[in-house]
Amino acid sequence: MTELSNPPTIEPTHEWLLEQRDQLVRAIEAAPLGAPSRRPSRRLVLVAAALVLVVTGSALAATGVNILDWLRSSNPGEARFSIDDSRTVKWPAPERFRATIRATGVSRAPRVAPARGNTSS
């Protein structure tokens, strides 16, 4: 216990100090003294990109331009969609879907019978 309360002191020798100094001098001399890199930091690039997006969004909002107008249809009863064949369900699904056309538009049947082998509701 007495060793912990009174730790020994270590005095560096003159030779050790000279060796450390020489090693530090060699490391400094080996480092290039050229101009700092002209490449902007990652943080600066991210801040600049965020600023450009905010300014562009503000300008578009102020002018009333909607960048998604090419998706909008002139007919309010029209809907645009696409079918992705790579994303299909893996469980049994109904093979047919009944729909009846009424005077007010298309109406779906309230319930679809499950496909064979599907016991969940």
PDB file of N, CA and C in Angstrom:
ATOM      1  N   MET A   1       0.808  -1.203   0.000  1.00  0.00           N
ATOM      2  CA  MET A   1       0.000   0.000   0.000  1.00  0.00           C
ATOM      3  C   MET A   1       0.848   1.264   0.000  1.00  0.00           C
ATOM      4  N   THR A   2       1.991   1.209   0.648  1.00  0.00           N
ATOM      5  CA  THR A   2       2.835   2.398   0.717  1.00  0.00           C
ATOM      6  C   THR A   2       3.403   2.746  -0.649  1.00  0.00           C
ATOM      7  N   GLU A   3       3.536   1.753  -1.537  1.00  0.00           N
ATOM      8  CA  GLU A   3       4.053   2.035  -2.885  1.00  0.00           C
ATOM      9  C   GLU A   3       3.071   2.877  -3.692  1.00  0.00           C
ATOM     10  N   LEU A   4       1.762   2.674  -3.465  1.00  0.00           N
ATOM     11  CA  LEU A   4       0.763   3.428  -4.196  1.00  0.00           C
ATOM     12  C   LEU A   4       0.645   4.854  -3.677  1.00  0.00           C
ATOM     13  N   SER A   5       0.792   5.053  -2.418  1.00  0.00           N
ATOM     14  CA  SER A   5       0.664   6.401  -1.878  1.00  0.00           C
ATOM     15  C   SER A   5       1.911   7.235  -2.136  1.00  0.00           C
ATOM     16  N   ASN A   6       3.065   6.608  -2.291  1.00  0.00           N
ATOM     17  CA  ASN A   6       4.309   7.308  -2.586  1.00  0.00           C
ATOM     18  C   ASN A   6       4.959   6.681  -3.825  1.00  0.00           C
ATOM     19  N   PRO A   7       4.455   7.013  -5.047  1.00  0.00           N
ATOM     20  CA  PRO A   7       5.047   6.400  -6.237  1.00  0.00           C
ATOM     21  C   PRO A   7       6.447   6.940  -6.463  1.00  0.00           C
ATOM     22  N   PRO A   8       7.297   6.133  -7.073  1.00  0.00           N
ATOM     23  CA  PRO A   8       8.663   6.608  -7.317  1.00  0.00           C
ATOM     24  C   PRO A   8       8.670   7.640  -8.442  1.00  0.00           C
ATOM     25  N   THR A   9       9.560   8.572  -8.379  1.00  0.00           N
ATOM     26  CA  THR A   9       9.695   9.564  -9.448  1.00  0.00           C
ATOM     27  C   THR A   9      10.768   9.097 -10.416  1.00  0.00           C
ATOM     28  N   ILE A  10      10.541   9.396 -11.683  1.00  0.00           N
ATOM     29  CA  ILE A  10      11.480   8.975 -12.719  1.00  0.00           C
ATOM     30  C   ILE A  10      12.065  10.235 -13.335  1.00  0.00           C
ATOM     31  N   GLU A  11      13.323  10.355 -13.268  1.00  0.00           N
ATOM     32  CA  GLU A  11      14.017  11.489 -13.865  1.00  0.00           C
ATOM     33  C   GLU A  11      14.577  11.050 -15.215  1.00  0.00           C
ATOM     34  N   PRO A  12      14.193  11.732 -16.325  1.00  0.00           N
ATOM     35  CA  PRO A  12      14.767  11.355 -17.613  1.00  0.00           C
ATOM     36  C   PRO A  12      16.248  11.733 -17.661  1.00  0.00           C
ATOM     37  N   THR A  13      17.010  10.881 -18.287  1.00  0.00           N
ATOM     38  CA  THR A  13      18.448  11.136 -18.404  1.00  0.00           C
ATOM     39  C   THR A  13      18.712  12.112 -19.533  1.00  0.00           C
ATOM     40  N   HIS A  14      19.890  12.697 -19.514  1.00  0.00           N
ATOM     41  CA  HIS A  14      20.274  13.659 -20.547  1.00  0.00           C
ATOM     42  C   HIS A  14      20.322  12.983 -21.924  1.00  0.00           C
ATOM     43  N   GLU A  15      20.800  11.748 -21.976  1.00  0.00           N
ATOM     44  CA  GLU A  15      20.873  11.018 -23.246  1.00  0.00           C
ATOM     45  C   GLU A  15      19.475  10.734 -23.807  1.00  0.00           C
ATOM     46  N   TRP A  16      18.540  10.383 -22.924  1.00  0.00           N
ATOM     47  CA  TRP A  16      17.171  10.095 -23.374  1.00  0.00           C
ATOM     48  C   TRP A  16      16.533  11.354 -23.945  1.00  0.00           C
ATOM     49  N   LEU A  17      16.719  12.493 -23.304  1.00  0.00           N
ATOM     50  CA  LEU A  17      16.175  13.759 -23.802  1.00  0.00           C
ATOM     51  C   LEU A  17      16.782  14.113 -25.155  1.00  0.00           C
ATOM     52  N   LEU A  18      18.082  13.913 -25.326  1.00  0.00           N
ATOM     53  CA  LEU A  18      18.724  14.195 -26.616  1.00  0.00           C
ATOM     54  C   LEU A  18      18.169  13.284 -27.713  1.00  0.00           C
ATOM     55  N   GLU A  19      17.952  12.024 -27.376  1.00  0.00           N
ATOM     56  CA  GLU A  19      17.397  11.077 -28.357  1.00  0.00           C
ATOM     57  C   GLU A  19      15.978  11.480 -28.769  1.00  0.00           C
ATOM     58  N   GLN A  20      15.169  11.892 -27.804  1.00  0.00           N
ATOM     59  CA  GLN A  20      13.801  12.317 -28.122  1.00  0.00           C
ATOM     60  C   GLN A  20      13.811  13.586 -28.968  1.00  0.00           C
ATOM     61  N   ARG A  21      14.717  14.508 -28.666  1.00  0.00           N
ATOM     62  CA  ARG A  21      14.802  15.738 -29.446  1.00  0.00           C
ATOM     63  C   ARG A  21      15.210  15.442 -30.884  1.00  0.00           C
ATOM     64  N   ASP A  22      16.213  14.581 -31.056  1.00  0.00           N
ATOM     65  CA  ASP A  22      16.662  14.225 -32.407  1.00  0.00           C
ATOM     66  C   ASP A  22      15.558  13.537 -33.200  1.00  0.00           C
ATOM     67  N   GLN A  23      14.811  12.693 -32.541  1.00  0.00           N
ATOM     68  CA  GLN A  23      13.702  11.995 -33.213  1.00  0.00           C
ATOM     69  C   GLN A  23      12.630  12.990 -33.651  1.00  0.00           C
ATOM     70  N   LEU A  24      12.319  13.975 -32.800  1.00  0.00           N
ATOM     71  CA  LEU A  24      11.325  14.994 -33.142  1.00  0.00           C
ATOM     72  C   LEU A  24      11.816  15.868 -34.299  1.00  0.00           C
ATOM     73  N   VAL A  25      13.084  16.237 -34.293  1.00  0.00           N
ATOM     74  CA  VAL A  25      13.653  17.048 -35.377  1.00  0.00           C
ATOM     75  C   VAL A  25      13.586  16.289 -36.693  1.00  0.00           C
ATOM     76  N   ARG A  26      13.905  14.991 -36.693  1.00  0.00           N
ATOM     77  CA  ARG A  26      13.816  14.190 -37.929  1.00  0.00           C
ATOM     78  C   ARG A  26      12.372  14.116 -38.440  1.00  0.00           C
ATOM     79  N   ALA A  27      11.418  13.981 -37.545  1.00  0.00           N
ATOM     80  CA  ALA A  27      10.006  13.912 -37.955  1.00  0.00           C
ATOM     81  C   ALA A  27       9.555  15.234 -38.562  1.00  0.00           C
ATOM     82  N   ILE A  28      10.000  16.346 -37.983  1.00  0.00           N
ATOM     83  CA  ILE A  28       9.608  17.656 -38.526  1.00  0.00           C
ATOM     84  C   ILE A  28      10.259  17.881 -39.882  1.00  0.00           C
ATOM     85  N   GLU A  29      11.530  17.512 -40.034  1.00  0.00           N
ATOM     86  CA  GLU A  29      12.223  17.694 -41.310  1.00  0.00           C
ATOM     87  C   GLU A  29      11.639  16.804 -42.402  1.00  0.00           C
ATOM     88  N   ALA A  30      11.093  15.648 -42.043  1.00  0.00           N
ATOM     89  CA  ALA A  30      10.530  14.737 -43.033  1.00  0.00           C
ATOM     90  C   ALA A  30       9.165  15.215 -43.518  1.00  0.00           C
ATOM     91  N   ALA A  31       8.489  16.057 -42.740  1.00  0.00           N
ATOM     92  CA  ALA A  31       7.162  16.540 -43.134  1.00  0.00           C
ATOM     93  C   ALA A  31       7.296  17.558 -44.255  1.00  0.00           C
ATOM     94  N   PRO A  32       6.422  17.488 -45.272  1.00  0.00           N
ATOM     95  CA  PRO A  32       6.497  18.457 -46.372  1.00  0.00           C
ATOM     96  C   PRO A  32       6.083  19.841 -45.880  1.00  0.00           C
ATOM     97  N   LEU A  33       6.747  20.872 -46.408  1.00  0.00           N
ATOM     98  CA  LEU A  33       6.462  22.239 -46.000  1.00  0.00           C
ATOM     99  C   LEU A  33       5.622  22.972 -47.037  1.00  0.00           C
ATOM    100  N   GLY A  34       4.994  22.256 -47.929  1.00  0.00           N
ATOM    101  CA  GLY A  34       4.202  22.875 -48.980  1.00  0.00           C
ATOM    102  C   GLY A  34       2.960  23.566 -48.426  1.00  0.00           C
ATOM    103  N   ALA A  35       2.250  24.199 -49.326  1.00  0.00           N
ATOM    104  CA  ALA A  35       1.020  24.891 -48.942  1.00  0.00           C
ATOM    105  C   ALA A  35      -0.018  23.865 -48.488  1.00  0.00           C
ATOM    106  N   PRO A  36      -0.903  24.275 -47.624  1.00  0.00           N
ATOM    107  CA  PRO A  36      -1.957  23.346 -47.198  1.00  0.00           C
ATOM    108  C   PRO A  36      -2.836  22.937 -48.385  1.00  0.00           C
ATOM    109  N   SER A  37      -3.497  21.839 -48.239  1.00  0.00           N
ATOM    110  CA  SER A  37      -4.318  21.293 -49.316  1.00  0.00           C
ATOM    111  C   SER A  37      -5.414  22.271 -49.713  1.00  0.00           C
ATOM    112  N   ARG A  38      -5.665  22.362 -51.003  1.00  0.00           N
ATOM    113  CA  ARG A  38      -6.719  23.240 -51.515  1.00  0.00           C
ATOM    114  C   ARG A  38      -8.081  22.557 -51.519  1.00  0.00           C
ATOM    115  N   ARG A  39      -8.096  21.306 -51.168  1.00  0.00           N
ATOM    116  CA  ARG A  39      -9.352  20.552 -51.179  1.00  0.00           C
ATOM    117  C   ARG A  39     -10.242  21.013 -50.021  1.00  0.00           C
ATOM    118  N   PRO A  40     -11.503  21.393 -50.301  1.00  0.00           N
ATOM    119  CA  PRO A  40     -12.383  21.851 -49.214  1.00  0.00           C
ATOM    120  C   PRO A  40     -12.759  20.696 -48.292  1.00  0.00           C
ATOM    121  N   SER A  41     -13.022  21.040 -47.062  1.00  0.00           N
ATOM    122  CA  SER A  41     -13.371  20.006 -46.092  1.00  0.00           C
ATOM    123  C   SER A  41     -14.757  19.439 -46.401  1.00  0.00           C
ATOM    124  N   ARG A  42     -15.016  18.259 -45.882  1.00  0.00           N
ATOM    125  CA  ARG A  42     -16.299  17.594 -46.108  1.00  0.00           C
ATOM    126  C   ARG A  42     -17.443  18.404 -45.500  1.00  0.00           C
ATOM    127  N   ARG A  43     -17.194  18.990 -44.340  1.00  0.00           N
ATOM    128  CA  ARG A  43     -18.237  19.785 -43.676  1.00  0.00           C
ATOM    129  C   ARG A  43     -18.613  20.995 -44.524  1.00  0.00           C
ATOM    130  N   LEU A  44     -17.610  21.651 -45.110  1.00  0.00           N
ATOM    131  CA  LEU A  44     -17.872  22.811 -45.951  1.00  0.00           C
ATOM    132  C   LEU A  44     -18.705  22.426 -47.173  1.00  0.00           C
ATOM    133  N   VAL A  45     -18.410  21.292 -47.772  1.00  0.00           N
ATOM    134  CA  VAL A  45     -19.167  20.825 -48.941  1.00  0.00           C
ATOM    135  C   VAL A  45     -20.613  20.530 -48.546  1.00  0.00           C
ATOM    136  N   LEU A  46     -20.814  19.885 -47.396  1.00  0.00           N
ATOM    137  CA  LEU A  46     -22.178  19.575 -46.956  1.00  0.00           C
ATOM    138  C   LEU A  46     -22.970  20.835 -46.635  1.00  0.00           C
ATOM    139  N   VAL A  47     -22.351  21.796 -45.985  1.00  0.00           N
ATOM    140  CA  VAL A  47     -23.037  23.049 -45.665  1.00  0.00           C
ATOM    141  C   VAL A  47     -23.391  23.797 -46.946  1.00  0.00           C
ATOM    142  N   ALA A  48     -22.474  23.824 -47.904  1.00  0.00           N
ATOM    143  CA  ALA A  48     -22.746  24.504 -49.174  1.00  0.00           C
ATOM    144  C   ALA A  48     -23.887  23.819 -49.929  1.00  0.00           C
ATOM    145  N   ALA A  49     -23.906  22.484 -49.956  1.00  0.00           N
ATOM    146  CA  ALA A  49     -24.987  21.760 -50.639  1.00  0.00           C
ATOM    147  C   ALA A  49     -26.322  22.020 -49.957  1.00  0.00           C
ATOM    148  N   ALA A  50     -26.342  22.029 -48.628  1.00  0.00           N
ATOM    149  CA  ALA A  50     -27.584  22.306 -47.905  1.00  0.00           C
ATOM    150  C   ALA A  50     -28.061  23.729 -48.186  1.00  0.00           C
ATOM    151  N   LEU A  51     -27.134  24.671 -48.238  1.00  0.00           N
ATOM    152  CA  LEU A  51     -27.500  26.051 -48.530  1.00  0.00           C
ATOM    153  C   LEU A  51     -28.078  26.180 -49.936  1.00  0.00           C
ATOM    154  N   VAL A  52     -27.471  25.509 -50.908  1.00  0.00           N
ATOM    155  CA  VAL A  52     -27.988  25.544 -52.281  1.00  0.00           C
ATOM    156  C   VAL A  52     -29.399  24.958 -52.333  1.00  0.00           C
ATOM    157  N   LEU A  53     -29.633  23.834 -51.643  1.00  0.00           N
ATOM    158  CA  LEU A  53     -30.964  23.228 -51.637  1.00  0.00           C
ATOM    159  C   LEU A  53     -31.997  24.136 -50.988  1.00  0.00           C
ATOM    160  N   VAL A  54     -31.637  24.783 -49.892  1.00  0.00           N
ATOM    161  CA  VAL A  54     -32.583  25.674 -49.208  1.00  0.00           C
ATOM    162  C   VAL A  54     -32.911  26.878 -50.084  1.00  0.00           C
ATOM    163  N   VAL A  55     -31.897  27.476 -50.681  1.00  0.00           N
ATOM    164  CA  VAL A  55     -32.130  28.645 -51.532  1.00  0.00           C
ATOM    165  C   VAL A  55     -32.948  28.259 -52.760  1.00  0.00           C
ATOM    166  N   THR A  56     -32.645  27.132 -53.375  1.00  0.00           N
ATOM    167  CA  THR A  56     -33.403  26.676 -54.543  1.00  0.00           C
ATOM    168  C   THR A  56     -34.847  26.367 -54.173  1.00  0.00           C
ATOM    169  N   GLY A  57     -35.046  25.680 -53.064  1.00  0.00           N
ATOM    170  CA  GLY A  57     -36.408  25.378 -52.612  1.00  0.00           C
ATOM    171  C   GLY A  57     -37.190  26.631 -52.301  1.00  0.00           C
ATOM    172  N   SER A  58     -36.549  27.602 -51.676  1.00  0.00           N
ATOM    173  CA  SER A  58     -37.227  28.865 -51.371  1.00  0.00           C
ATOM    174  C   SER A  58     -37.611  29.610 -52.647  1.00  0.00           C
ATOM    175  N   ALA A  59     -36.704  29.611 -53.612  1.00  0.00           N
ATOM    176  CA  ALA A  59     -36.999  30.296 -54.874  1.00  0.00           C
ATOM    177  C   ALA A  59     -38.145  29.615 -55.611  1.00  0.00           C
ATOM    178  N   LEU A  60     -38.145  28.284 -55.643  1.00  0.00           N
ATOM    179  CA  LEU A  60     -39.240  27.571 -56.307  1.00  0.00           C
ATOM    180  C   LEU A  60     -40.555  27.787 -55.585  1.00  0.00           C
ATOM    181  N   ALA A  61     -40.536  27.788 -54.256  1.00  0.00           N
ATOM    182  CA  ALA A  61     -41.765  28.017 -53.497  1.00  0.00           C
ATOM    183  C   ALA A  61     -42.283  29.440 -53.700  1.00  0.00           C
ATOM    184  N   ALA A  62     -41.377  30.400 -53.791  1.00  0.00           N
ATOM    185  CA  ALA A  62     -41.793  31.798 -53.973  1.00  0.00           C
ATOM    186  C   ALA A  62     -42.406  32.024 -55.346  1.00  0.00           C
ATOM    187  N   THR A  63     -41.917  31.342 -56.362  1.00  0.00           N
ATOM    188  CA  THR A  63     -42.459  31.532 -57.712  1.00  0.00           C
ATOM    189  C   THR A  63     -43.687  30.673 -57.957  1.00  0.00           C
ATOM    190  N   GLY A  64     -43.958  29.720 -57.087  1.00  0.00           N
ATOM    191  CA  GLY A  64     -45.134  28.869 -57.254  1.00  0.00           C
ATOM    192  C   GLY A  64     -44.918  27.730 -58.224  1.00  0.00           C
ATOM    193  N   VAL A  65     -43.682  27.467 -58.589  1.00  0.00           N
ATOM    194  CA  VAL A  65     -43.380  26.376 -59.512  1.00  0.00           C
ATOM    195  C   VAL A  65     -43.479  25.051 -58.763  1.00  0.00           C
ATOM    196  N   ASN A  66     -44.160  24.091 -59.368  1.00  0.00           N
ATOM    197  CA  ASN A  66     -44.252  22.757 -58.781  1.00  0.00           C
ATOM    198  C   ASN A  66     -43.472  21.815 -59.684  1.00  0.00           C
ATOM    199  N   ILE A  67     -42.414  21.240 -59.145  1.00  0.00           N
ATOM    200  CA  ILE A  67     -41.573  20.385 -59.980  1.00  0.00           C
ATOM    201  C   ILE A  67     -42.243  19.051 -60.295  1.00  0.00           C
ATOM    202  N   LEU A  68     -43.366  18.750 -59.649  1.00  0.00           N
ATOM    203  CA  LEU A  68     -44.078  17.501 -59.914  1.00  0.00           C
ATOM    204  C   LEU A  68     -45.297  17.705 -60.810  1.00  0.00           C
ATOM    205  N   ASP A  69     -45.382  18.857 -61.492  1.00  0.00           N
ATOM    206  CA  ASP A  69     -46.524  19.117 -62.381  1.00  0.00           C
ATOM    207  C   ASP A  69     -46.611  18.122 -63.527  1.00  0.00           C
ATOM    208  N   TRP A  70     -45.512  17.562 -63.940  1.00  0.00           N
ATOM    209  CA  TRP A  70     -45.546  16.608 -65.046  1.00  0.00           C
ATOM    210  C   TRP A  70     -46.279  15.334 -64.650  1.00  0.00           C
ATOM    211  N   LEU A  71     -46.442  15.079 -63.336  1.00  0.00           N
ATOM    212  CA  LEU A  71     -47.215  13.920 -62.885  1.00  0.00           C
ATOM    213  C   LEU A  71     -48.710  14.210 -62.808  1.00  0.00           C
ATOM    214  N   ARG A  72     -49.057  15.474 -62.677  1.00  0.00           N
ATOM    215  CA  ARG A  72     -50.452  15.852 -62.493  1.00  0.00           C
ATOM    216  C   ARG A  72     -51.216  15.742 -63.808  1.00  0.00           C
ATOM    217  N   SER A  73     -52.426  15.228 -63.721  1.00  0.00           N
ATOM    218  CA  SER A  73     -53.274  15.080 -64.903  1.00  0.00           C
ATOM    219  C   SER A  73     -54.272  16.226 -64.948  1.00  0.00           C
ATOM    220  N   SER A  74     -54.708  16.573 -66.141  1.00  0.00           N
ATOM    221  CA  SER A  74     -55.725  17.614 -66.268  1.00  0.00           C
ATOM    222  C   SER A  74     -57.107  17.075 -65.919  1.00  0.00           C
ATOM    223  N   ASN A  75     -57.265  15.753 -65.954  1.00  0.00           N
ATOM    224  CA  ASN A  75     -58.541  15.128 -65.628  1.00  0.00           C
ATOM    225  C   ASN A  75     -58.496  14.665 -64.165  1.00  0.00           C
ATOM    226  N   PRO A  76     -59.366  15.215 -63.297  1.00  0.00           N
ATOM    227  CA  PRO A  76     -59.303  14.833 -61.886  1.00  0.00           C
ATOM    228  C   PRO A  76     -59.707  13.381 -61.627  1.00  0.00           C
ATOM    229  N   GLY A  77     -60.371  12.735 -62.558  1.00  0.00           N
ATOM    230  CA  GLY A  77     -60.767  11.340 -62.375  1.00  0.00           C
ATOM    231  C   GLY A  77     -59.714  10.353 -62.836  1.00  0.00           C
ATOM    232  N   GLU A  78     -58.602  10.851 -63.286  1.00  0.00           N
ATOM    233  CA  GLU A  78     -57.557   9.990 -63.809  1.00  0.00           C
ATOM    234  C   GLU A  78     -56.480   9.762 -62.741  1.00  0.00           C
ATOM    235  N   ALA A  79     -55.999   8.543 -62.700  1.00  0.00           N
ATOM    236  CA  ALA A  79     -54.918   8.214 -61.769  1.00  0.00           C
ATOM    237  C   ALA A  79     -53.791   7.553 -62.546  1.00  0.00           C
ATOM    238  N   ARG A  80     -52.571   7.895 -62.192  1.00  0.00           N
ATOM    239  CA  ARG A  80     -51.413   7.291 -62.848  1.00  0.00           C
ATOM    240  C   ARG A  80     -50.749   6.341 -61.867  1.00  0.00           C
ATOM    241  N   PHE A  81     -50.364   5.185 -62.369  1.00  0.00           N
ATOM    242  CA  PHE A  81     -49.689   4.209 -61.529  1.00  0.00           C
ATOM    243  C   PHE A  81     -48.829   3.322 -62.408  1.00  0.00           C
ATOM    244  N   SER A  82     -47.954   2.592 -61.777  1.00  0.00           N
ATOM    245  CA  SER A  82     -47.155   1.622 -62.505  1.00  0.00           C
ATOM    246  C   SER A  82     -47.096   0.352 -61.681  1.00  0.00           C
ATOM    247  N   ILE A  83     -46.910  -0.754 -62.361  1.00  0.00           N
ATOM    248  CA  ILE A  83     -46.856  -2.054 -61.699  1.00  0.00           C
ATOM    249  C   ILE A  83     -45.421  -2.546 -61.752  1.00  0.00           C
ATOM    250  N   ASP A  84     -44.894  -2.870 -60.593  1.00  0.00           N
ATOM    251  CA  ASP A  84     -43.530  -3.372 -60.485  1.00  0.00           C
ATOM    252  C   ASP A  84     -43.603  -4.889 -60.333  1.00  0.00           C
ATOM    253  N   ASP A  85     -43.238  -5.612 -61.392  1.00  0.00           N
ATOM    254  CA  ASP A  85     -43.315  -7.072 -61.365  1.00  0.00           C
ATOM    255  C   ASP A  85     -42.338  -7.703 -60.381  1.00  0.00           C
ATOM    256  N   SER A  86     -41.299  -6.967 -60.003  1.00  0.00           N
ATOM    257  CA  SER A  86     -40.315  -7.545 -59.087  1.00  0.00           C
ATOM    258  C   SER A  86     -40.803  -7.532 -57.642  1.00  0.00           C
ATOM    259  N   ARG A  87     -41.850  -6.788 -57.345  1.00  0.00           N
ATOM    260  CA  ARG A  87     -42.367  -6.709 -55.977  1.00  0.00           C
ATOM    261  C   ARG A  87     -43.753  -7.348 -55.938  1.00  0.00           C
ATOM    262  N   THR A  88     -43.775  -8.597 -55.637  1.00  0.00           N
ATOM    263  CA  THR A  88     -45.042  -9.319 -55.551  1.00  0.00           C
ATOM    264  C   THR A  88     -45.161  -9.958 -54.185  1.00  0.00           C
ATOM    265  N   VAL A  89     -46.376 -10.310 -53.813  1.00  0.00           N
ATOM    266  CA  VAL A  89     -46.593 -10.941 -52.511  1.00  0.00           C
ATOM    267  C   VAL A  89     -46.158 -12.399 -52.569  1.00  0.00           C
ATOM    268  N   LYS A  90     -45.743 -12.909 -51.436  1.00  0.00           N
ATOM    269  CA  LYS A  90     -45.264 -14.286 -51.358  1.00  0.00           C
ATOM    270  C   LYS A  90     -46.339 -15.223 -50.791  1.00  0.00           C
ATOM    271  N   TRP A  91     -47.429 -14.699 -50.313  1.00  0.00           N
ATOM    272  CA  TRP A  91     -48.479 -15.525 -49.743  1.00  0.00           C
ATOM    273  C   TRP A  91     -49.615 -15.665 -50.753  1.00  0.00           C
ATOM    274  N   PRO A  92     -50.519 -16.619 -50.548  1.00  0.00           N
ATOM    275  CA  PRO A  92     -51.630 -16.783 -51.485  1.00  0.00           C
ATOM    276  C   PRO A  92     -52.487 -15.520 -51.531  1.00  0.00           C
ATOM    277  N   ALA A  93     -52.805 -15.078 -52.714  1.00  0.00           N
ATOM    278  CA  ALA A  93     -53.605 -13.869 -52.905  1.00  0.00           C
ATOM    279  C   ALA A  93     -54.771 -14.189 -53.831  1.00  0.00           C
ATOM    280  N   PRO A  94     -55.821 -13.381 -53.785  1.00  0.00           N
ATOM    281  CA  PRO A  94     -56.962 -13.628 -54.678  1.00  0.00           C
ATOM    282  C   PRO A  94     -56.545 -13.545 -56.134  1.00  0.00           C
ATOM    283  N   GLU A  95     -57.086 -14.444 -56.930  1.00  0.00           N
ATOM    284  CA  GLU A  95     -56.756 -14.426 -58.350  1.00  0.00           C
ATOM    285  C   GLU A  95     -57.631 -13.443 -59.110  1.00  0.00           C
ATOM    286  N   ARG A  96     -58.837 -13.200 -58.610  1.00  0.00           N
ATOM    287  CA  ARG A  96     -59.734 -12.267 -59.280  1.00  0.00           C
ATOM    288  C   ARG A  96     -60.226 -11.232 -58.292  1.00  0.00           C
ATOM    289  N   PHE A  97     -60.550 -10.090 -58.822  1.00  0.00           N
ATOM    290  CA  PHE A  97     -61.064  -9.000 -58.016  1.00  0.00           C
ATOM    291  C   PHE A  97     -62.300  -8.476 -58.739  1.00  0.00           C
ATOM    292  N   ARG A  98     -63.441  -8.613 -58.103  1.00  0.00           N
ATOM    293  CA  ARG A  98     -64.686  -8.181 -58.746  1.00  0.00           C
ATOM    294  C   ARG A  98     -64.856  -6.676 -58.612  1.00  0.00           C
ATOM    295  N   ALA A  99     -65.310  -6.067 -59.671  1.00  0.00           N
ATOM    296  CA  ALA A  99     -65.619  -4.638 -59.640  1.00  0.00           C
ATOM    297  C   ALA A  99     -66.899  -4.420 -60.428  1.00  0.00           C
ATOM    298  N   THR A 100     -67.726  -3.560 -59.942  1.00  0.00           N
ATOM    299  CA  THR A 100     -68.968  -3.223 -60.650  1.00  0.00           C
ATOM    300  C   THR A 100     -68.908  -1.751 -61.017  1.00  0.00           C
ATOM    301  N   ILE A 101     -69.382  -1.440 -62.211  1.00  0.00           N
ATOM    302  CA  ILE A 101     -69.383  -0.055 -62.667  1.00  0.00           C
ATOM    303  C   ILE A 101     -70.781   0.489 -62.437  1.00  0.00           C
ATOM    304  N   ARG A 102     -70.844   1.575 -61.723  1.00  0.00           N
ATOM    305  CA  ARG A 102     -72.116   2.242 -61.446  1.00  0.00           C
ATOM    306  C   ARG A 102     -72.112   3.589 -62.152  1.00  0.00           C
ATOM    307  N   ALA A 103     -73.201   4.293 -62.037  1.00  0.00           N
ATOM    308  CA  ALA A 103     -73.324   5.595 -62.693  1.00  0.00           C
ATOM    309  C   ALA A 103     -72.339   6.604 -62.102  1.00  0.00           C
ATOM    310  N   THR A 104     -71.972   6.429 -60.850  1.00  0.00           N
ATOM    311  CA  THR A 104     -71.067   7.389 -60.216  1.00  0.00           C
ATOM    312  C   THR A 104     -69.599   7.017 -60.422  1.00  0.00           C
ATOM    313  N   GLY A 105     -69.307   5.884 -60.989  1.00  0.00           N
ATOM    314  CA  GLY A 105     -67.924   5.507 -61.208  1.00  0.00           C
ATOM    315  C   GLY A 105     -67.703   4.041 -60.905  1.00  0.00           C
ATOM    316  N   VAL A 106     -66.495   3.670 -60.582  1.00  0.00           N
ATOM    317  CA  VAL A 106     -66.140   2.287 -60.309  1.00  0.00           C
ATOM    318  C   VAL A 106     -66.257   2.042 -58.820  1.00  0.00           C
ATOM    319  N   SER A 107     -66.912   0.960 -58.471  1.00  0.00           N
ATOM    320  CA  SER A 107     -67.071   0.602 -57.067  1.00  0.00           C
ATOM    321  C   SER A 107     -66.564  -0.815 -56.883  1.00  0.00           C
ATOM    322  N   ARG A 108     -65.761  -1.056 -55.887  1.00  0.00           N
ATOM    323  CA  ARG A 108     -65.241  -2.385 -55.634  1.00  0.00           C
ATOM    324  C   ARG A 108     -66.197  -3.172 -54.760  1.00  0.00           C
ATOM    325  N   ALA A 109     -66.162  -4.459 -54.939  1.00  0.00           N
ATOM    326  CA  ALA A 109     -66.962  -5.328 -54.077  1.00  0.00           C
ATOM    327  C   ALA A 109     -66.420  -5.222 -52.655  1.00  0.00           C
ATOM    328  N   PRO A 110     -67.258  -5.278 -51.644  1.00  0.00           N
ATOM    329  CA  PRO A 110     -66.789  -5.054 -50.287  1.00  0.00           C
ATOM    330  C   PRO A 110     -65.843  -6.132 -49.770  1.00  0.00           C
ATOM    331  N   ARG A 111     -65.947  -7.356 -50.247  1.00  0.00           N
ATOM    332  CA  ARG A 111     -65.101  -8.422 -49.728  1.00  0.00           C
ATOM    333  C   ARG A 111     -64.644  -9.310 -50.875  1.00  0.00           C
ATOM    334  N   VAL A 112     -63.439  -9.742 -50.815  1.00  0.00           N
ATOM    335  CA  VAL A 112     -62.880 -10.617 -51.834  1.00  0.00           C
ATOM    336  C   VAL A 112     -62.619 -11.965 -51.187  1.00  0.00           C
ATOM    337  N   ALA A 113     -63.053 -13.025 -51.849  1.00  0.00           N
ATOM    338  CA  ALA A 113     -62.832 -14.364 -51.316  1.00  0.00           C
ATOM    339  C   ALA A 113     -61.344 -14.684 -51.370  1.00  0.00           C
ATOM    340  N   PRO A 114     -60.791 -15.297 -50.290  1.00  0.00           N
ATOM    341  CA  PRO A 114     -59.375 -15.623 -50.304  1.00  0.00           C
ATOM    342  C   PRO A 114     -59.081 -16.753 -51.291  1.00  0.00           C
ATOM    343  N   ALA A 115     -57.871 -16.784 -51.770  1.00  0.00           N
ATOM    344  CA  ALA A 115     -57.450 -17.842 -52.685  1.00  0.00           C
ATOM    345  C   ALA A 115     -57.388 -19.165 -51.936  1.00  0.00           C
ATOM    346  N   ARG A 116     -57.365 -20.234 -52.706  1.00  0.00           N
ATOM    347  CA  ARG A 116     -57.290 -21.557 -52.072  1.00  0.00           C
ATOM    348  C   ARG A 116     -56.007 -21.683 -51.264  1.00  0.00           C
ATOM    349  N   GLY A 117     -56.133 -22.296 -50.096  1.00  0.00           N
ATOM    350  CA  GLY A 117     -54.971 -22.506 -49.245  1.00  0.00           C
ATOM    351  C   GLY A 117     -54.717 -21.361 -48.281  1.00  0.00           C
ATOM    352  N   ASN A 118     -55.449 -20.253 -48.411  1.00  0.00           N
ATOM    353  CA  ASN A 118     -55.269 -19.129 -47.510  1.00  0.00           C
ATOM    354  C   ASN A 118     -56.335 -19.213 -46.443  1.00  0.00           C
ATOM    355  N   THR A 119     -55.939 -19.473 -45.201  1.00  0.00           N
ATOM    356  CA  THR A 119     -56.915 -19.608 -44.120  1.00  0.00           C
ATOM    357  C   THR A 119     -57.021 -18.358 -43.286  1.00  0.00           C
ATOM    358  N   SER A 120     -56.095 -17.380 -43.482  1.00  0.00           N
ATOM    359  CA  SER A 120     -56.190 -16.134 -42.696  1.00  0.00           C
ATOM    360  C   SER A 120     -57.227 -15.242 -43.322  1.00  0.00           C
ATOM    361  N   SER A 121     -57.762 -14.339 -42.520  1.00  0.00           N
ATOM    362  CA  SER A 121     -58.791 -13.424 -43.058  1.00  0.00           C
ATOM    363  C   SER A 121     -58.307 -12.013 -43.091  1.00  0.00           C
TER     364      SER A 121
END
